[in-house]
Amino acid sequence: MTSARVDKQHDGTAAAGAPHAPDGEGYQRGLGARQIQMIAIGGAIGTGLFLGAGKAISKAGPSLILAYAIAGLVIFFIMRALGELLMYRPVSGSFADYAREFVGPFAGYVTGWTYWLFWVVTGITEVTAAAEYMTYWFDIPQWVSALIFTLILYGANLISVKLFGELEFWFSMVKVTAIIGMILICAGILTIGFSDAGDSASMSLLWSEGGFFPKGLGGTLMTLQIVMFAFLAVELVGVTAGESKDPKKTLPKAINTVPWRIAVFYLGALIMILSVVPWTHFQPGVSPFVAAFDKMGLAAGAGIVNFVVLTAALSSCNSGMYSTGRMLRGLALNGQGPKLFTRLTKAGTPLIGTTFSAALMMVGVWINYQWPGKAFDYVVSFATISGMWAWIMILICQLRYRAKADRGELPASEFRAPGAPWTSWFALAFIAMVIVMMGIDKDSRISLYCAPIWGAIMLLSYLVLRSRNPQGTAFQRTAQKAEAGSRD
């Protein structure tokens, strides 16, 4: 480890006389600026862009560019709200801890367990997707690939946070390189005119094929849930706060790069692709990158894109392994989860929490064995609504924190969200509109059916917790819990 080591016992509490980490959680600060930047970039680029954009283009046409631009602005407001909270108190598993402090113990409980479930479900869907991508090259059962990928990523996450960071760095590098490469190829076709698409490529394709809004404004609005799904995991940079070497410096820098990341990787890529290939050529379930390569006459394009989307899926699963263990440990430190989840390895990784989450992700291996053709559809419905819950809590917590800071009840953050509280209210209203759109769309409505069921489970389990452990329903900072544990 290049970061300063914090000696801890295996149960996650401080060894006698050992200094605490700055946040008092016992994690080692092994994530440097290079890794944090790539985690932030990778969180904004996933299968939602490489695969999901094909369906969105077929529904909205070129106006999808506007949908991504507006949604990207909302994501920036959310990330700046998160940044303000992180500079106030940088802790791992931040969403649940802030919800517990600024909204209440029940909100923290629901947020922690919901975000944990989000990544477990996402891990299952992504390892399923990765297994499907492997069949492009190899004639092997999907469940075999899913098992191998799950075990490799589980092992990497237990070794050290630095190895997780390195994996995520290179996963993100592949995605970034692919998008930049596509933008440069399309730019070359538009200016020089090479490839099979050279004769028809033109920026006028953005409005000449039925106009910029070929399906009307309603068609554009109906793509918002697809667009927001593509941005899920951008908040992961907040979970790394407890293990960043210099969070006061690296996290604001990573958050401030959100606008240009979205401008280049989403808006830039879509503008270039839709200027080379008419939007009418895109179909649901087909990657727009593959469609563009086919139009260009580049036979190797499908294989390249398959490798990139495989990388994107493994990146998301790797992030899931990382975040679930931290979220479970945060819940356990606050008396809202089993105490055994507090244990850390000598390398500072949450052993039991990560192992428990990985075991549940193994359900994905079984699903791939039982229903290899339908595995992805069976587990994807809950991801969007549970991920947006974290965004809602970030915004509510920032609003309440800012109000207290303005009254002098709490220290002001060094990284205040510009335009708040109005930007936070706008973001909340936008998310509410997306949820309404999800209810209207029959394909995504099932996500909303799952939410009240999960809410009932959370309420009943919380009432049981409160009856058995009253301390688990009283807010106490994670650091204070860790320090209290060291005195036991």
Protein backbone atom coordinates (compact mmCIF):
# COMPACT_ATOMS: atom_id res chain seq x y z
CA MET A 1 0.00 0.00 0.00
CA THR A 2 1.27 3.45 -0.78
CA SER A 3 -1.04 5.07 1.72
CA ALA A 4 -0.36 5.32 5.41
CA ARG A 5 -1.33 2.09 7.10
CA VAL A 6 -3.85 2.08 9.91
CA ASP A 7 -3.39 -0.92 12.19
CA LYS A 8 -6.66 -2.58 13.04
CA GLN A 9 -7.80 -5.78 14.62
CA HIS A 10 -9.57 -8.27 12.34
CA ASP A 11 -12.95 -7.28 13.72
CA GLY A 12 -12.52 -3.79 12.35
CA THR A 13 -11.89 -2.01 15.66
CA ALA A 14 -8.74 -0.11 16.48
CA ALA A 15 -5.79 -1.92 17.95
CA ALA A 16 -4.56 -0.57 21.27
CA GLY A 17 -2.58 2.59 20.79
CA ALA A 18 -3.01 2.58 17.02
CA PRO A 19 -3.90 5.83 15.29
CA HIS A 20 -7.30 6.07 13.65
CA ALA A 21 -7.83 6.82 10.02
CA PRO A 22 -8.99 10.42 9.56
CA ASP A 23 -12.59 9.23 9.30
CA GLY A 24 -12.23 6.73 12.15
CA GLU A 25 -13.63 3.86 10.06
CA GLY A 26 -10.52 1.71 9.89
CA TYR A 27 -10.14 1.69 6.10
CA GLN A 28 -6.80 2.23 4.40
CA ARG A 29 -6.57 5.21 2.08
CA GLY A 30 -5.31 3.34 -0.95
CA LEU A 31 -7.14 5.15 -3.77
CA GLY A 32 -5.07 7.87 -5.42
CA ALA A 33 -6.12 10.75 -7.64
CA ARG A 34 -5.55 8.75 -10.84
CA GLN A 35 -7.83 5.95 -9.68
CA ILE A 36 -10.52 8.26 -8.26
CA GLN A 37 -10.69 10.13 -11.56
CA MET A 38 -11.13 6.92 -13.53
CA ILE A 39 -13.70 5.54 -11.07
CA ALA A 40 -15.65 8.76 -11.55
CA ILE A 41 -15.35 8.53 -15.34
CA GLY A 42 -16.17 4.82 -15.42
CA GLY A 43 -19.21 5.34 -13.24
CA ALA A 44 -20.73 7.53 -15.94
CA ILE A 45 -20.03 5.10 -18.79
CA GLY A 46 -21.64 1.68 -18.80
CA THR A 47 -23.80 -0.72 -20.73
CA GLY A 48 -26.56 1.92 -20.65
CA LEU A 49 -24.58 3.82 -23.28
CA PHE A 50 -23.03 0.94 -25.21
CA LEU A 51 -26.25 -1.10 -25.43
CA GLY A 52 -29.24 0.84 -24.04
CA ALA A 53 -28.73 3.83 -26.31
CA GLY A 54 -29.88 1.75 -29.29
CA LYS A 55 -33.39 1.41 -27.83
CA ALA A 56 -33.44 5.06 -26.78
CA ILE A 57 -32.45 6.26 -30.26
CA SER A 58 -35.23 4.19 -31.85
CA LYS A 59 -37.74 5.83 -29.48
CA ALA A 60 -36.60 9.46 -29.67
CA GLY A 61 -34.32 9.89 -32.68
CA PRO A 62 -31.73 12.69 -32.56
CA SER A 63 -33.62 14.42 -29.72
CA LEU A 64 -32.02 11.83 -27.42
CA ILE A 65 -29.03 14.16 -27.45
CA LEU A 66 -31.15 16.81 -25.71
CA ALA A 67 -32.43 14.23 -23.20
CA TYR A 68 -28.87 13.28 -22.28
CA ALA A 69 -27.88 16.96 -22.01
CA ILE A 70 -30.70 17.82 -19.58
CA ALA A 71 -30.26 14.62 -17.58
CA GLY A 72 -26.52 15.25 -17.48
CA LEU A 73 -27.14 18.70 -16.00
CA VAL A 74 -29.32 17.09 -13.31
CA ILE A 75 -26.59 14.54 -12.59
CA PHE A 76 -24.12 17.41 -12.12
CA PHE A 77 -26.49 19.05 -9.61
CA ILE A 78 -26.72 15.73 -7.74
CA MET A 79 -22.97 15.26 -7.73
CA ARG A 80 -22.32 18.79 -6.49
CA ALA A 81 -24.85 18.20 -3.71
CA LEU A 82 -22.97 15.03 -2.83
CA GLY A 83 -19.68 16.90 -2.99
CA GLU A 84 -20.92 19.46 -0.48
CA LEU A 85 -21.80 16.66 1.94
CA LEU A 86 -18.51 14.83 1.35
CA MET A 87 -16.45 17.89 2.20
CA TYR A 88 -18.50 18.36 5.35
CA ARG A 89 -17.74 14.79 6.44
CA PRO A 90 -16.03 12.31 4.06
CA VAL A 91 -17.08 8.79 5.06
CA SER A 92 -17.37 5.49 3.22
CA GLY A 93 -20.97 4.48 2.62
CA SER A 94 -21.83 8.16 2.74
CA PHE A 95 -25.43 8.08 1.50
CA ALA A 96 -26.75 6.03 4.40
CA ASP A 97 -24.73 7.95 6.98
CA TYR A 98 -25.97 11.32 5.71
CA ALA A 99 -29.56 10.05 5.50
CA ARG A 100 -29.28 8.84 9.09
CA GLU A 101 -28.00 12.23 10.26
CA PHE A 102 -30.17 14.63 8.29
CA VAL A 103 -33.42 12.70 7.73
CA GLY A 104 -33.57 10.07 10.46
CA PRO A 105 -32.47 6.56 11.46
CA PHE A 106 -35.15 4.87 9.36
CA ALA A 107 -34.07 6.82 6.25
CA GLY A 108 -30.47 5.76 6.86
CA TYR A 109 -31.56 2.17 7.33
CA VAL A 110 -33.58 2.12 4.10
CA THR A 111 -30.90 3.96 2.12
CA GLY A 112 -28.09 1.66 3.24
CA TRP A 113 -29.93 -1.57 2.57
CA THR A 114 -31.50 -0.30 -0.67
CA TYR A 115 -28.16 0.82 -2.10
CA TRP A 116 -26.67 -2.51 -1.06
CA LEU A 117 -29.50 -4.35 -2.84
CA PHE A 118 -29.08 -2.11 -5.88
CA TRP A 119 -25.48 -3.23 -6.30
CA VAL A 120 -26.26 -6.89 -5.62
CA VAL A 121 -28.96 -6.81 -8.32
CA THR A 122 -26.70 -4.82 -10.63
CA GLY A 123 -23.86 -7.28 -10.01
CA ILE A 124 -26.15 -10.15 -11.00
CA THR A 125 -27.33 -8.40 -14.16
CA GLU A 126 -23.84 -7.37 -15.20
CA VAL A 127 -22.19 -10.74 -14.60
CA THR A 128 -25.09 -12.22 -16.57
CA ALA A 129 -24.45 -9.76 -19.39
CA ALA A 130 -20.71 -10.52 -19.29
CA ALA A 131 -21.44 -14.24 -19.58
CA GLU A 132 -23.64 -13.57 -22.61
CA TYR A 133 -20.89 -11.52 -24.26
CA MET A 134 -18.41 -14.39 -23.83
CA THR A 135 -20.58 -16.61 -26.04
CA TYR A 136 -19.63 -14.34 -28.96
CA TRP A 137 -16.15 -15.89 -28.95
CA PHE A 138 -16.48 -19.17 -27.04
CA ASP A 139 -19.05 -21.94 -27.08
CA ILE A 140 -19.23 -22.37 -23.29
CA PRO A 141 -22.22 -22.41 -20.93
CA GLN A 142 -23.16 -18.97 -19.59
CA TRP A 143 -23.11 -20.14 -15.99
CA VAL A 144 -19.44 -21.18 -16.28
CA SER A 145 -18.38 -17.69 -17.39
CA ALA A 146 -20.58 -16.09 -14.71
CA LEU A 147 -18.98 -18.25 -12.00
CA ILE A 148 -15.44 -17.50 -13.13
CA PHE A 149 -16.01 -13.74 -13.36
CA THR A 150 -17.70 -13.62 -9.94
CA LEU A 151 -14.85 -15.51 -8.24
CA ILE A 152 -12.12 -13.41 -9.88
CA LEU A 153 -13.69 -10.09 -8.91
CA TYR A 154 -14.48 -11.35 -5.40
CA GLY A 155 -10.85 -12.34 -4.88
CA ALA A 156 -9.55 -9.03 -6.23
CA ASN A 157 -11.77 -7.05 -3.87
CA LEU A 158 -10.54 -8.98 -0.84
CA ILE A 159 -6.85 -8.49 -1.61
CA SER A 160 -6.81 -4.69 -1.24
CA VAL A 161 -8.66 -1.53 -2.15
CA LYS A 162 -5.69 -0.59 -4.29
CA LEU A 163 -6.24 -3.64 -6.51
CA PHE A 164 -9.91 -2.72 -6.87
CA GLY A 165 -8.82 0.77 -7.90
CA GLU A 166 -6.36 -0.59 -10.46
CA LEU A 167 -8.95 -2.90 -12.00
CA GLU A 168 -11.44 -0.06 -12.22
CA PHE A 169 -8.78 2.21 -13.71
CA TRP A 170 -8.08 -0.17 -16.59
CA PHE A 171 -11.74 -1.09 -17.09
CA SER A 172 -12.53 2.61 -17.42
CA MET A 173 -9.55 3.17 -19.71
CA VAL A 174 -10.94 0.61 -22.18
CA LYS A 175 -14.34 2.33 -22.21
CA VAL A 176 -12.87 5.80 -22.61
CA THR A 177 -10.54 4.69 -25.39
CA ALA A 178 -13.41 3.04 -27.27
CA ILE A 179 -15.61 6.13 -27.16
CA ILE A 180 -12.82 8.52 -28.11
CA GLY A 181 -11.84 6.17 -30.93
CA MET A 182 -15.41 6.12 -32.23
CA ILE A 183 -15.63 9.92 -32.08
CA LEU A 184 -12.36 10.30 -34.02
CA ILE A 185 -13.43 7.74 -36.66
CA CYS A 186 -16.77 9.49 -37.16
CA ALA A 187 -15.05 12.88 -37.32
CA GLY A 188 -12.72 11.49 -40.00
CA ILE A 189 -15.68 10.18 -42.01
CA LEU A 190 -17.43 13.56 -41.81
CA THR A 191 -14.34 15.51 -42.89
CA ILE A 192 -12.47 13.15 -45.21
CA GLY A 193 -15.29 10.86 -46.32
CA PHE A 194 -13.59 7.48 -46.04
CA SER A 195 -15.42 4.14 -45.44
CA ASP A 196 -18.76 3.00 -46.84
CA ALA A 197 -20.57 5.70 -44.86
CA GLY A 198 -18.55 8.54 -46.33
CA ASP A 199 -20.99 9.42 -49.12
CA SER A 200 -24.05 9.86 -46.89
CA ALA A 201 -22.47 11.09 -43.65
CA SER A 202 -23.50 14.62 -42.75
CA MET A 203 -24.42 16.67 -39.70
CA SER A 204 -27.73 17.31 -41.47
CA LEU A 205 -28.78 13.76 -40.53
CA LEU A 206 -29.55 15.20 -37.09
CA TRP A 207 -32.61 16.98 -38.48
CA SER A 208 -33.24 15.77 -42.03
CA GLU A 209 -34.72 12.34 -41.16
CA GLY A 210 -38.08 13.45 -39.80
CA GLY A 211 -36.73 16.39 -37.84
CA PHE A 212 -34.87 16.65 -34.53
CA PHE A 213 -38.00 15.38 -32.69
CA PRO A 214 -39.21 12.67 -35.11
CA LYS A 215 -41.31 10.95 -32.41
CA GLY A 216 -42.46 14.21 -30.82
CA LEU A 217 -41.66 15.57 -27.38
CA GLY A 218 -43.49 12.63 -25.81
CA GLY A 219 -41.09 10.17 -27.39
CA THR A 220 -38.17 12.09 -25.93
CA LEU A 221 -39.72 12.15 -22.46
CA MET A 222 -40.32 8.40 -22.56
CA THR A 223 -36.58 7.81 -22.96
CA LEU A 224 -35.70 9.59 -19.72
CA GLN A 225 -35.75 6.41 -17.64
CA ILE A 226 -33.30 4.80 -20.11
CA VAL A 227 -31.13 7.89 -19.95
CA MET A 228 -31.10 8.01 -16.16
CA PHE A 229 -30.34 4.28 -16.00
CA ALA A 230 -27.23 4.98 -18.08
CA PHE A 231 -26.00 7.39 -15.40
CA LEU A 232 -26.55 5.05 -12.45
CA ALA A 233 -23.30 4.45 -10.48
CA VAL A 234 -21.94 7.95 -11.12
CA GLU A 235 -22.43 8.49 -7.37
CA LEU A 236 -20.03 5.61 -6.58
CA VAL A 237 -17.23 8.14 -6.13
CA GLY A 238 -18.94 9.08 -2.85
CA VAL A 239 -18.52 5.55 -1.49
CA THR A 240 -14.75 5.86 -2.02
CA ALA A 241 -14.49 8.85 0.33
CA GLY A 242 -13.28 6.79 3.29
CA GLU A 243 -10.46 5.24 1.23
CA SER A 244 -9.27 8.19 -0.85
CA LYS A 245 -5.76 9.35 -0.08
CA ASP A 246 -6.69 13.02 -0.19
CA PRO A 247 -10.50 13.29 -0.34
CA LYS A 248 -10.52 17.06 0.16
CA LYS A 249 -8.60 17.43 -3.08
CA THR A 250 -9.43 14.43 -5.27
CA LEU A 251 -13.20 14.23 -4.78
CA PRO A 252 -14.04 17.85 -5.77
CA LYS A 253 -11.81 17.53 -8.82
CA ALA A 254 -13.53 14.29 -9.86
CA ILE A 255 -17.01 15.79 -9.35
CA ASN A 256 -16.19 18.96 -11.28
CA THR A 257 -15.25 16.89 -14.34
CA VAL A 258 -18.83 15.53 -14.62
CA PRO A 259 -19.97 18.15 -17.21
CA TRP A 260 -17.16 17.56 -19.66
CA ARG A 261 -17.38 13.78 -19.20
CA ILE A 262 -21.03 13.86 -20.17
CA ALA A 263 -20.38 16.35 -22.98
CA VAL A 264 -17.66 14.20 -24.54
CA PHE A 265 -18.69 10.63 -23.83
CA TYR A 266 -22.45 10.97 -24.27
CA LEU A 267 -23.26 14.07 -26.28
CA GLY A 268 -20.12 13.96 -28.40
CA ALA A 269 -20.44 10.26 -29.17
CA LEU A 270 -24.15 10.49 -30.03
CA ILE A 271 -23.72 13.56 -32.22
CA MET A 272 -20.94 11.87 -34.16
CA ILE A 273 -22.71 8.51 -34.54
CA LEU A 274 -26.04 10.06 -35.58
CA SER A 275 -24.22 12.22 -38.11
CA VAL A 276 -22.75 9.14 -39.76
CA VAL A 277 -25.69 6.73 -39.41
CA PRO A 278 -29.35 7.87 -39.78
CA TRP A 279 -31.26 7.32 -36.55
CA THR A 280 -33.74 5.08 -38.39
CA HIS A 281 -31.02 2.40 -38.71
CA PHE A 282 -30.88 1.79 -34.95
CA GLN A 283 -32.89 -0.93 -33.26
CA PRO A 284 -33.57 -1.95 -29.63
CA GLY A 285 -31.12 -4.53 -28.36
CA VAL A 286 -28.45 -3.60 -30.92
CA SER A 287 -25.52 -1.48 -29.79
CA PRO A 288 -25.37 1.85 -31.66
CA PHE A 289 -21.62 1.31 -31.85
CA VAL A 290 -22.11 -2.01 -33.65
CA ALA A 291 -24.66 -0.43 -36.00
CA ALA A 292 -22.23 2.38 -36.77
CA PHE A 293 -19.37 -0.03 -37.50
CA ASP A 294 -21.64 -2.07 -39.80
CA LYS A 295 -22.61 1.06 -41.71
CA MET A 296 -18.94 1.96 -42.08
CA GLY A 297 -18.15 -1.49 -43.45
CA LEU A 298 -15.68 -2.28 -40.66
CA ALA A 299 -16.04 -6.03 -40.12
CA ALA A 300 -13.98 -6.06 -36.92
CA GLY A 301 -16.29 -3.52 -35.29
CA ALA A 302 -18.67 -6.04 -33.71
CA GLY A 303 -15.83 -7.89 -32.00
CA ILE A 304 -14.35 -4.63 -30.70
CA VAL A 305 -17.66 -3.46 -29.30
CA ASN A 306 -18.29 -6.86 -27.73
CA PHE A 307 -14.98 -6.58 -25.88
CA VAL A 308 -15.83 -3.07 -24.72
CA VAL A 309 -19.28 -3.98 -23.41
CA LEU A 310 -17.76 -7.02 -21.69
CA THR A 311 -15.36 -4.65 -19.97
CA ALA A 312 -18.20 -2.31 -19.02
CA ALA A 313 -20.15 -5.19 -17.46
CA LEU A 314 -17.16 -6.43 -15.47
CA SER A 315 -16.46 -2.87 -14.34
CA SER A 316 -19.99 -2.53 -12.97
CA CYS A 317 -19.78 -5.91 -11.22
CA ASN A 318 -16.42 -4.94 -9.75
CA SER A 319 -17.97 -1.73 -8.40
CA GLY A 320 -20.79 -3.79 -6.92
CA MET A 321 -18.36 -6.03 -5.06
CA TYR A 322 -16.64 -2.96 -3.68
CA SER A 323 -19.64 -0.91 -2.60
CA THR A 324 -21.77 -3.68 -1.06
CA GLY A 325 -19.17 -4.61 1.54
CA ARG A 326 -18.69 -0.96 2.57
CA MET A 327 -22.42 -0.33 2.79
CA LEU A 328 -23.01 -3.41 4.95
CA ARG A 329 -20.15 -2.43 7.26
CA GLY A 330 -21.55 1.07 7.65
CA LEU A 331 -24.93 -0.37 8.59
CA ALA A 332 -23.34 -2.77 11.08
CA LEU A 333 -21.27 -0.03 12.73
CA ASN A 334 -24.49 1.88 13.33
CA GLY A 335 -26.31 -1.10 14.81
CA GLN A 336 -28.48 -1.56 11.72
CA GLY A 337 -26.86 -4.76 10.50
CA PRO A 338 -25.19 -7.87 11.93
CA LYS A 339 -22.07 -7.01 13.93
CA LEU A 340 -19.96 -9.55 12.05
CA PHE A 341 -20.11 -7.26 8.98
CA THR A 342 -17.77 -4.85 10.78
CA ARG A 343 -14.76 -7.14 10.38
CA LEU A 344 -11.87 -6.04 8.20
CA THR A 345 -8.99 -8.04 6.75
CA LYS A 346 -5.40 -7.03 7.42
CA ALA A 347 -5.53 -5.20 4.08
CA GLY A 348 -8.48 -3.12 5.33
CA THR A 349 -11.25 -4.72 3.24
CA PRO A 350 -14.67 -5.70 4.69
CA LEU A 351 -14.33 -9.47 4.58
CA ILE A 352 -17.72 -10.73 5.75
CA GLY A 353 -19.81 -8.07 4.02
CA THR A 354 -18.10 -8.60 0.67
CA THR A 355 -18.34 -12.39 1.03
CA PHE A 356 -22.05 -12.25 1.87
CA SER A 357 -22.76 -9.99 -1.10
CA ALA A 358 -20.68 -12.13 -3.46
CA ALA A 359 -22.59 -15.21 -2.28
CA LEU A 360 -25.86 -13.54 -3.23
CA MET A 361 -24.38 -12.56 -6.59
CA MET A 362 -23.80 -16.27 -7.10
CA VAL A 363 -27.56 -16.41 -7.55
CA GLY A 364 -26.75 -14.98 -10.96
CA VAL A 365 -24.72 -18.09 -11.73
CA TRP A 366 -27.72 -20.28 -10.88
CA ILE A 367 -30.04 -18.08 -12.98
CA ASN A 368 -27.64 -18.44 -15.89
CA TYR A 369 -27.71 -22.19 -15.42
CA GLN A 370 -31.50 -22.43 -15.23
CA TRP A 371 -32.55 -19.82 -17.82
CA PRO A 372 -29.54 -18.83 -19.97
CA GLY A 373 -31.74 -17.13 -22.58
CA LYS A 374 -33.79 -14.97 -20.18
CA ALA A 375 -31.40 -14.41 -17.28
CA PHE A 376 -30.88 -10.70 -17.84
CA ASP A 377 -34.61 -9.89 -17.95
CA TYR A 378 -35.35 -11.77 -14.72
CA VAL A 379 -33.17 -9.58 -12.48
CA VAL A 380 -32.97 -6.11 -14.06
CA SER A 381 -36.29 -4.51 -13.04
CA PHE A 382 -35.34 -3.19 -9.59
CA ALA A 383 -32.04 -1.48 -10.49
CA THR A 384 -33.27 1.89 -11.75
CA ILE A 385 -35.71 2.79 -8.97
CA SER A 386 -33.36 1.65 -6.18
CA GLY A 387 -30.44 3.57 -7.68
CA MET A 388 -32.51 6.76 -7.94
CA TRP A 389 -33.44 6.42 -4.25
CA ALA A 390 -29.80 7.15 -3.42
CA TRP A 391 -29.93 10.31 -5.57
CA ILE A 392 -33.13 11.45 -3.84
CA MET A 393 -31.56 11.02 -0.40
CA ILE A 394 -28.39 12.85 -1.47
CA LEU A 395 -30.45 15.86 -2.53
CA ILE A 396 -32.67 15.87 0.57
CA CYS A 397 -29.65 15.55 2.85
CA GLN A 398 -27.85 18.39 1.07
CA LEU A 399 -30.90 20.64 1.45
CA ARG A 400 -31.13 19.94 5.18
CA TYR A 401 -27.38 20.23 5.71
CA ARG A 402 -27.24 23.57 3.86
CA ALA A 403 -30.10 24.92 5.96
CA LYS A 404 -28.28 23.98 9.18
CA ALA A 405 -24.97 25.32 7.91
CA ASP A 406 -26.57 28.64 6.94
CA ARG A 407 -27.99 28.90 10.48
CA GLY A 408 -24.54 28.26 11.95
CA GLU A 409 -25.54 24.94 13.49
CA LEU A 410 -22.97 23.02 11.41
CA PRO A 411 -19.68 24.07 9.77
CA ALA A 412 -20.04 25.21 6.18
CA SER A 413 -18.67 22.88 3.50
CA GLU A 414 -15.57 23.91 1.57
CA PHE A 415 -17.26 22.74 -1.64
CA ARG A 416 -20.70 24.33 -1.74
CA ALA A 417 -23.13 23.31 -4.47
CA PRO A 418 -23.66 26.29 -6.82
CA GLY A 419 -27.23 27.48 -7.15
CA ALA A 420 -28.46 25.43 -4.20
CA PRO A 421 -31.08 25.03 -2.88
CA TRP A 422 -32.82 25.74 -6.21
CA THR A 423 -30.67 23.31 -8.19
CA SER A 424 -31.40 20.54 -5.69
CA TRP A 425 -35.14 21.20 -5.87
CA PHE A 426 -34.96 21.16 -9.67
CA ALA A 427 -33.13 17.82 -9.59
CA LEU A 428 -35.74 16.34 -7.23
CA ALA A 429 -38.55 17.50 -9.52
CA PHE A 430 -36.79 16.00 -12.52
CA ILE A 431 -36.39 12.62 -10.78
CA ALA A 432 -40.09 12.73 -9.84
CA MET A 433 -40.95 13.27 -13.51
CA VAL A 434 -38.76 10.31 -14.51
CA ILE A 435 -40.58 8.10 -12.00
CA VAL A 436 -43.91 9.19 -13.50
CA MET A 437 -42.59 8.31 -16.97
CA MET A 438 -41.59 4.88 -15.64
CA GLY A 439 -45.16 4.36 -14.47
CA ILE A 440 -46.53 5.24 -17.90
CA ASP A 441 -44.13 2.97 -19.79
CA LYS A 442 -45.32 -0.65 -19.58
CA ASP A 443 -41.76 -1.95 -20.10
CA SER A 444 -40.40 -0.23 -16.97
CA ARG A 445 -43.54 -0.22 -14.81
CA ILE A 446 -42.50 -3.44 -13.06
CA SER A 447 -39.75 -1.46 -11.29
CA LEU A 448 -42.42 0.52 -9.46
CA TYR A 449 -44.26 -2.67 -8.46
CA CYS A 450 -41.12 -3.89 -6.70
CA ALA A 451 -40.64 -0.67 -4.70
CA PRO A 452 -43.62 -0.98 -2.26
CA ILE A 453 -42.78 -4.63 -1.62
CA TRP A 454 -39.23 -3.68 -0.69
CA GLY A 455 -40.53 -0.75 1.36
CA ALA A 456 -42.76 -3.08 3.38
CA ILE A 457 -39.80 -5.40 4.02
CA MET A 458 -37.74 -2.44 5.19
CA LEU A 459 -40.46 -1.16 7.53
CA LEU A 460 -41.13 -4.53 9.15
CA SER A 461 -37.45 -5.35 9.61
CA TYR A 462 -36.81 -1.88 11.04
CA LEU A 463 -39.60 -2.30 13.61
CA VAL A 464 -38.05 -5.61 14.66
CA LEU A 465 -34.63 -3.93 14.89
CA ARG A 466 -36.00 -1.09 16.99
CA SER A 467 -37.61 -3.53 19.44
CA ARG A 468 -34.41 -5.55 19.82
CA ASN A 469 -31.77 -2.84 19.54
CA PRO A 470 -32.98 0.69 20.38
CA GLN A 471 -29.44 2.03 19.82
CA GLY A 472 -29.72 1.04 16.17
CA THR A 473 -32.44 3.66 15.74
CA ALA A 474 -30.46 6.54 17.22
CA PHE A 475 -28.05 8.51 15.05
CA GLN A 476 -24.40 8.22 15.93
CA ARG A 477 -21.61 8.87 13.49
CA THR A 478 -19.87 5.84 12.07
CA ALA A 479 -16.56 7.07 13.41
CA GLN A 480 -18.01 7.29 16.91
CA LYS A 481 -19.32 3.73 16.61
CA ALA A 482 -15.91 2.47 15.53
CA GLU A 483 -14.24 4.25 18.42
CA ALA A 484 -16.80 2.90 20.86
CA GLY A 485 -16.09 -0.58 19.56
CA SER A 486 -12.39 -0.14 20.25
CA ARG A 487 -13.16 0.43 23.95
CA ASP A 488 -15.30 -2.73 24.27
